[in-house]
Amino acid sequence: MTNNIMMLGTGMGNQGGISSVVNDYNIYGILKKLGIDYYATHKDGTKLGKLLFFTSQFLVILFKMPSYKIVHFHTSVGWSYIRLSMIFVLAKIFRKKTIWHVHTGEMLTYYADSSLLEKYIIKFVLRHADVVIALSSNCKKMIETLEPRASIKILLNTVNVKDYEVNNREIHDPVNVLLLGRLEYRKGIHLILKAIEILADKNISFVLAGDGDVEGTRKFVKEKRFEKIVSVPGWISGDQKLVLLKEADIYILPSYQEGLPISILEAMSAGLPIISTPVGGIPDAVTDGENGYLIEPGDSEALASKILFLSKNHNIWKKLSLRSSEIAKQKFNMSRIESELTDLYGSLI
């Protein structure tokens, strides 16, 4: 039987949230169950390698697209948005139903920093997509600000919760704080480093895992002689990530901008209290005082204070840990996204 849905985005083996989302769709069986064929339009590597890969895939997609009824795009900002907008125009020429799935909380900043041509492209796609998917109510408002005529549906991210579950979790000594993601300003890496300085003598260790400014972060750790309390392993995935989540006690992500971070959902599934910021879709996952704490963006002292508080109050840590697991199972399990995508595709077909 011919599948009805063509899905497009970054390669499943690449770094980043979109890759994690689609990988989970594939592992859980959603692609097969719902009749979806996935086509990567991007792979990690050099600029030339990325361009050559996109060009070859564009030709494959041009040949294959006529046989599908729906084209579902997974996009972020910058090159992700632009390359997929080219294929979006192709989908419109072929009169396909289109879903524009926006995996970012940076749309307003992206639009403000774009050229006039890019601004036009951004609004054109949002206006003409049959459905624009936002990751949260906050992300929906951002998209509406850019293009009030967009037809928007909220679809929260999900993860394979069972993959990350840790039974009988107890707090470690020393308490271990974890970050999984890009080591950059937008994610608050400078705030984390300030918090580490504040907590350097408090029997708390840190693992800062991800890509981005890995060398700069390692340089800071070396200069401050924090090697015994801070580990910077670089980008990790698969079994390595599961080990880090199991060994962690608290998950932190003091971002300035977000969609709905997959790393937070993975950490919740593993039963970790979350310390983050009320931006993008994070408040849809983290409730202050219930399964973690929400601090104001830019407040390194509050970040340090909440980490220290949880490290000293094990009963509260345990309550937040259990609640994180419960919320992940109830709200962010893969069965929900399968049902919502089934309904969405059915309404378009």
Protein backbone atom coordinates (compact mmCIF):
# COMPACT_ATOMS: atom_id res chain seq x y z
CA MET A 1 0.00 0.00 0.00
CA THR A 2 1.31 3.44 -0.93
CA ASN A 3 1.89 5.76 2.02
CA ASN A 4 -0.03 9.05 2.12
CA ILE A 5 2.38 11.29 4.02
CA MET A 6 5.77 12.64 3.06
CA MET A 7 7.64 13.96 6.12
CA LEU A 8 10.69 16.20 5.79
CA GLY A 9 13.36 17.45 8.17
CA THR A 10 16.91 16.99 9.34
CA GLY A 11 18.55 13.57 9.29
CA MET A 12 17.64 11.21 12.15
CA GLY A 13 21.29 10.78 13.06
CA ASN A 14 21.97 14.50 13.38
CA GLN A 15 22.27 16.57 16.54
CA GLY A 16 19.37 18.63 17.86
CA GLY A 17 15.75 18.49 18.96
CA ILE A 18 14.10 17.84 15.58
CA SER A 19 16.27 14.79 15.04
CA SER A 20 15.30 13.50 18.50
CA VAL A 21 11.60 14.03 17.79
CA VAL A 22 11.62 12.19 14.46
CA ASN A 23 13.85 9.45 15.82
CA ASP A 24 11.31 8.81 18.56
CA TYR A 25 8.50 8.73 15.98
CA ASN A 26 10.45 6.08 14.11
CA ILE A 27 11.43 3.97 17.13
CA TYR A 28 7.90 4.04 18.54
CA GLY A 29 6.53 2.91 15.15
CA ILE A 30 4.52 6.03 14.35
CA LEU A 31 6.01 6.45 10.87
CA LYS A 32 5.03 2.92 9.89
CA LYS A 33 1.62 2.94 11.61
CA LEU A 34 0.51 6.24 10.05
CA GLY A 35 1.85 5.65 6.55
CA ILE A 36 4.70 8.17 6.69
CA ASP A 37 7.82 8.16 4.55
CA TYR A 38 10.63 10.30 5.98
CA TYR A 39 13.05 12.22 3.75
CA ALA A 40 16.06 13.97 5.29
CA THR A 41 16.94 17.35 3.75
CA HIS A 42 19.97 18.04 5.94
CA LYS A 43 22.92 16.25 7.46
CA ASP A 44 25.67 17.45 9.79
CA GLY A 45 28.98 18.32 8.15
CA THR A 46 30.64 21.04 6.09
CA LYS A 47 28.70 23.76 4.28
CA LEU A 48 29.55 22.19 0.93
CA GLY A 49 28.51 18.76 2.16
CA LYS A 50 25.20 20.13 3.42
CA LEU A 51 24.51 21.89 0.12
CA LEU A 52 25.31 18.82 -1.97
CA PHE A 53 23.15 16.62 0.26
CA PHE A 54 20.21 19.03 0.04
CA THR A 55 20.53 19.31 -3.74
CA SER A 56 20.48 15.55 -4.22
CA GLN A 57 17.57 15.11 -1.82
CA PHE A 58 15.63 17.93 -3.48
CA LEU A 59 15.73 15.99 -6.75
CA VAL A 60 14.54 12.81 -5.01
CA ILE A 61 11.71 14.72 -3.32
CA LEU A 62 10.74 16.39 -6.61
CA PHE A 63 10.35 12.95 -8.18
CA LYS A 64 8.55 11.33 -5.22
CA MET A 65 6.22 14.11 -4.04
CA PRO A 66 3.40 13.65 -6.62
CA SER A 67 2.47 10.28 -5.08
CA TYR A 68 1.71 11.73 -1.62
CA LYS A 69 -1.34 13.56 -0.28
CA ILE A 70 0.26 15.42 2.66
CA VAL A 71 3.71 16.97 3.13
CA HIS A 72 4.71 17.44 6.78
CA PHE A 73 7.71 19.76 7.35
CA HIS A 74 9.78 19.84 10.57
CA THR A 75 11.55 23.21 10.69
CA SER A 76 13.50 25.55 12.91
CA VAL A 77 15.07 28.89 11.90
CA GLY A 78 17.72 30.02 9.41
CA TRP A 79 18.86 27.46 6.82
CA SER A 80 16.32 24.96 8.15
CA TYR A 81 13.45 27.34 7.39
CA ILE A 82 14.81 28.49 4.03
CA ARG A 83 15.66 25.07 2.57
CA LEU A 84 12.27 23.65 3.55
CA SER A 85 10.44 26.72 2.23
CA MET A 86 11.83 25.87 -1.22
CA ILE A 87 10.22 22.44 -0.97
CA PHE A 88 7.08 24.03 0.48
CA VAL A 89 6.64 25.99 -2.76
CA LEU A 90 7.04 22.72 -4.65
CA ALA A 91 4.32 21.13 -2.50
CA LYS A 92 1.98 24.01 -3.30
CA ILE A 93 2.66 23.64 -7.02
CA PHE A 94 1.69 19.96 -6.72
CA ARG A 95 -1.42 20.99 -4.71
CA LYS A 96 -0.47 18.95 -1.65
CA LYS A 97 -1.84 19.51 1.84
CA THR A 98 0.93 21.02 3.94
CA ILE A 99 1.84 20.95 7.64
CA TRP A 100 4.53 23.39 8.82
CA HIS A 101 5.81 22.08 12.19
CA VAL A 102 7.76 24.86 13.95
CA HIS A 103 10.29 23.50 16.49
CA THR A 104 11.58 26.78 17.92
CA GLY A 105 10.78 29.64 20.26
CA GLU A 106 12.97 32.03 18.27
CA MET A 107 10.56 33.02 15.51
CA LEU A 108 10.24 36.68 16.53
CA THR A 109 14.02 37.11 16.86
CA TYR A 110 14.59 35.23 13.60
CA TYR A 111 12.10 37.45 11.77
CA ALA A 112 13.52 40.68 13.24
CA ASP A 113 17.07 39.74 12.15
CA SER A 114 16.09 38.63 8.62
CA SER A 115 16.40 40.44 5.30
CA LEU A 116 13.27 41.77 3.55
CA LEU A 117 13.22 38.75 1.24
CA GLU A 118 13.55 36.32 4.13
CA LYS A 119 10.80 38.15 6.05
CA TYR A 120 8.52 37.68 3.06
CA ILE A 121 9.36 33.95 2.89
CA ILE A 122 8.71 33.49 6.61
CA LYS A 123 5.26 35.06 6.43
CA PHE A 124 4.39 33.44 3.09
CA VAL A 125 4.87 29.93 4.44
CA LEU A 126 3.00 30.63 7.70
CA ARG A 127 0.09 32.12 5.75
CA HIS A 128 -0.22 29.41 3.11
CA ALA A 129 0.40 26.23 5.10
CA ASP A 130 -2.81 24.27 5.65
CA VAL A 131 -1.73 23.75 9.28
CA VAL A 132 1.05 25.40 11.26
CA ILE A 133 2.04 23.38 14.33
CA ALA A 134 3.26 25.27 17.40
CA LEU A 135 4.89 23.51 20.35
CA SER A 136 3.04 25.50 23.03
CA SER A 137 0.54 28.28 23.68
CA ASN A 138 3.42 30.77 23.96
CA CYS A 139 4.85 29.62 20.63
CA LYS A 140 1.36 29.92 19.10
CA LYS A 141 1.17 33.56 20.20
CA MET A 142 4.55 34.29 18.62
CA ILE A 143 3.47 32.82 15.30
CA GLU A 144 0.16 34.73 15.43
CA THR A 145 2.14 37.93 15.98
CA LEU A 146 4.07 37.28 12.77
CA GLU A 147 1.14 36.05 10.69
CA PRO A 148 -2.39 36.45 12.14
CA ARG A 149 -3.84 34.49 9.20
CA ALA A 150 -1.90 31.34 10.01
CA SER A 151 -3.99 28.26 10.82
CA ILE A 152 -2.27 27.11 14.02
CA LYS A 153 -2.58 23.93 16.04
CA ILE A 154 -0.71 23.28 19.29
CA LEU A 155 1.05 19.92 19.41
CA LEU A 156 3.25 19.34 22.45
CA ASN A 157 6.45 17.37 21.96
CA THR A 158 6.60 13.82 23.31
CA VAL A 159 9.27 11.22 24.06
CA ASN A 160 9.52 7.47 24.58
CA VAL A 161 9.04 7.81 28.34
CA LYS A 162 9.83 4.16 29.08
CA ASP A 163 13.28 4.52 27.53
CA TYR A 164 14.31 6.97 30.25
CA GLU A 165 12.57 5.63 33.36
CA VAL A 166 14.73 5.05 36.46
CA ASN A 167 13.23 2.84 39.16
CA ASN A 168 13.65 3.67 42.86
CA ARG A 169 15.58 6.84 42.16
CA GLU A 170 17.45 8.28 45.16
CA ILE A 171 19.56 11.42 45.40
CA HIS A 172 23.34 11.00 45.11
CA ASP A 173 26.20 12.29 47.23
CA PRO A 174 27.51 14.57 45.89
CA VAL A 175 24.38 15.86 44.19
CA ASN A 176 24.83 15.72 40.41
CA VAL A 177 23.45 18.49 38.19
CA LEU A 178 23.01 17.85 34.46
CA LEU A 179 22.64 19.90 31.28
CA LEU A 180 22.06 18.26 27.89
CA GLY A 181 22.09 20.66 24.98
CA ARG A 182 23.97 23.37 23.17
CA LEU A 183 26.55 25.24 25.25
CA GLU A 184 25.64 28.75 24.15
CA TYR A 185 24.36 32.08 25.44
CA ARG A 186 20.74 31.41 24.43
CA LYS A 187 20.71 28.27 26.58
CA GLY A 188 22.21 30.19 29.51
CA ILE A 189 25.62 28.52 29.66
CA HIS A 190 27.17 31.71 31.10
CA LEU A 191 24.58 31.65 33.89
CA ILE A 192 25.39 28.02 34.66
CA LEU A 193 29.10 28.84 34.92
CA LYS A 194 28.33 31.69 37.33
CA ALA A 195 26.15 29.34 39.40
CA ILE A 196 29.00 26.82 39.50
CA GLU A 197 31.30 29.49 40.92
CA ILE A 198 28.73 30.26 43.62
CA LEU A 199 28.33 26.56 44.50
CA ALA A 200 31.97 25.49 44.13
CA ASP A 201 32.35 24.48 47.79
CA LYS A 202 28.86 22.96 48.30
CA ASN A 203 29.47 19.27 47.47
CA ILE A 204 27.65 19.55 44.12
CA SER A 205 28.96 18.26 40.80
CA PHE A 206 27.97 19.26 37.26
CA VAL A 207 27.88 17.55 33.87
CA LEU A 208 27.54 19.98 30.95
CA ALA A 209 27.01 17.81 27.88
CA GLY A 210 26.38 19.13 24.40
CA ASP A 211 27.81 20.84 21.35
CA GLY A 212 28.46 24.56 20.86
CA ASP A 213 31.20 26.28 22.85
CA VAL A 214 32.64 23.09 24.29
CA GLU A 215 36.24 24.30 24.24
CA GLY A 216 35.37 27.65 25.83
CA THR A 217 33.49 25.86 28.60
CA ARG A 218 36.38 23.47 29.19
CA LYS A 219 38.78 26.41 29.29
CA PHE A 220 36.67 28.05 32.01
CA VAL A 221 36.64 24.84 34.05
CA LYS A 222 40.42 24.50 33.76
CA GLU A 223 41.13 28.15 34.61
CA LYS A 224 38.92 27.95 37.70
CA ARG A 225 40.37 24.54 38.65
CA PHE A 226 36.90 23.01 38.72
CA GLU A 227 37.91 19.74 37.05
CA LYS A 228 36.88 17.72 40.12
CA ILE A 229 33.33 19.08 40.14
CA VAL A 230 32.59 19.83 36.46
CA SER A 231 32.62 17.47 33.47
CA VAL A 232 32.26 18.72 29.87
CA PRO A 233 32.05 15.56 27.72
CA GLY A 234 30.83 17.22 24.51
CA TRP A 235 27.86 15.96 22.51
CA ILE A 236 26.46 12.65 23.75
CA SER A 237 23.56 10.44 22.68
CA GLY A 238 22.17 6.92 22.93
CA ASP A 239 23.37 4.82 25.86
CA GLN A 240 25.71 7.59 27.05
CA LYS A 241 22.75 9.91 27.49
CA LEU A 242 20.80 7.27 29.41
CA VAL A 243 23.74 6.80 31.77
CA LEU A 244 24.01 10.55 32.43
CA LEU A 245 20.28 10.82 33.10
CA LYS A 246 20.45 7.88 35.50
CA GLU A 247 23.42 9.37 37.38
CA ALA A 248 21.91 12.88 37.58
CA ASP A 249 19.80 14.35 40.39
CA ILE A 250 18.73 17.72 38.96
CA TYR A 251 18.29 18.91 35.38
CA ILE A 252 18.95 22.57 34.49
CA LEU A 253 18.20 24.62 31.39
CA PRO A 254 18.17 28.39 32.10
CA SER A 255 17.32 29.40 28.51
CA TYR A 256 16.31 32.79 27.17
CA GLN A 257 14.35 31.32 24.24
CA GLU A 258 12.91 27.85 23.66
CA GLY A 259 10.21 25.83 21.93
CA LEU A 260 9.50 22.78 24.08
CA PRO A 261 12.91 21.20 24.76
CA ILE A 262 13.10 17.45 24.25
CA SER A 263 15.89 17.32 26.84
CA ILE A 264 13.50 18.54 29.55
CA LEU A 265 10.96 15.85 28.62
CA GLU A 266 13.68 13.18 28.69
CA ALA A 267 14.86 14.43 32.10
CA MET A 268 11.30 14.41 33.44
CA SER A 269 10.84 10.86 32.15
CA ALA A 270 13.96 9.92 34.11
CA GLY A 271 12.41 11.42 37.25
CA LEU A 272 14.57 14.54 37.53
CA PRO A 273 13.37 17.79 39.09
CA ILE A 274 13.81 20.59 36.54
CA ILE A 275 15.22 24.09 37.08
CA SER A 276 14.49 26.20 34.02
CA THR A 277 12.88 29.44 32.84
CA PRO A 278 9.26 30.31 31.91
CA VAL A 279 9.94 30.76 28.18
CA GLY A 280 8.41 29.07 25.13
CA GLY A 281 6.71 25.79 25.98
CA ILE A 282 8.65 25.12 29.19
CA PRO A 283 5.72 26.16 31.47
CA ASP A 284 3.64 23.46 29.74
CA ALA A 285 6.07 20.89 31.16
CA VAL A 286 7.41 22.44 34.37
CA THR A 287 5.21 23.90 37.10
CA ASP A 288 7.04 25.93 39.70
CA GLY A 289 7.15 24.06 42.99
CA GLU A 290 5.45 20.97 41.54
CA ASN A 291 8.09 19.17 39.49
CA GLY A 292 10.81 21.79 39.54
CA TYR A 293 11.40 25.54 39.66
CA LEU A 294 11.07 28.32 37.10
CA ILE A 295 13.50 31.20 37.53
CA GLU A 296 13.72 34.44 35.58
CA PRO A 297 16.03 34.36 32.54
CA GLY A 298 19.42 35.78 33.39
CA ASP A 299 19.26 35.13 37.15
CA SER A 300 22.33 33.03 37.97
CA GLU A 301 21.91 33.59 41.72
CA ALA A 302 18.38 32.13 41.63
CA LEU A 303 19.70 29.17 39.65
CA ALA A 304 22.38 28.52 42.26
CA SER A 305 19.91 29.02 45.11
CA LYS A 306 17.43 26.45 43.75
CA ILE A 307 20.16 23.89 43.10
CA LEU A 308 21.46 24.32 46.65
CA PHE A 309 17.94 24.15 48.11
CA LEU A 310 17.20 20.81 46.42
CA SER A 311 20.60 19.42 47.37
CA LYS A 312 19.81 20.05 51.05
CA ASN A 313 16.09 19.16 51.10
CA HIS A 314 15.91 15.53 50.04
CA ASN A 315 12.21 15.08 50.85
CA ILE A 316 11.25 17.95 48.56
CA TRP A 317 13.65 16.65 45.91
CA LYS A 318 11.90 13.26 46.11
CA LYS A 319 8.44 14.82 45.75
CA LEU A 320 9.48 16.82 42.69
CA SER A 321 11.22 13.77 41.22
CA LEU A 322 8.11 11.58 41.47
CA ARG A 323 5.92 14.34 40.03
CA SER A 324 8.23 14.79 37.03
CA SER A 325 7.82 11.09 36.22
CA GLU A 326 4.05 11.29 36.60
CA ILE A 327 3.69 14.34 34.34
CA ALA A 328 5.90 12.77 31.66
CA LYS A 329 3.76 9.61 31.61
CA GLN A 330 0.45 11.51 31.61
CA LYS A 331 1.24 14.37 29.25
CA PHE A 332 4.28 13.65 27.11
CA ASN A 333 4.09 9.97 26.19
CA MET A 334 4.32 8.90 22.56
CA SER A 335 0.81 7.40 22.51
CA ARG A 336 -0.62 10.93 22.69
CA ILE A 337 1.28 12.23 19.66
CA GLU A 338 0.26 9.16 17.66
CA SER A 339 -3.41 9.86 18.37
CA GLU A 340 -3.12 13.59 17.61
CA LEU A 341 -1.25 13.05 14.36
CA THR A 342 -3.80 10.43 13.30
CA ASP A 343 -6.59 12.96 13.81
CA LEU A 344 -4.67 15.74 12.07
CA TYR A 345 -3.81 13.69 8.97
CA GLY A 346 -7.38 12.36 8.84
CA SER A 347 -8.80 15.88 8.85
CA LEU A 348 -6.57 16.89 5.91
CA ILE A 349 -7.14 13.73 3.84
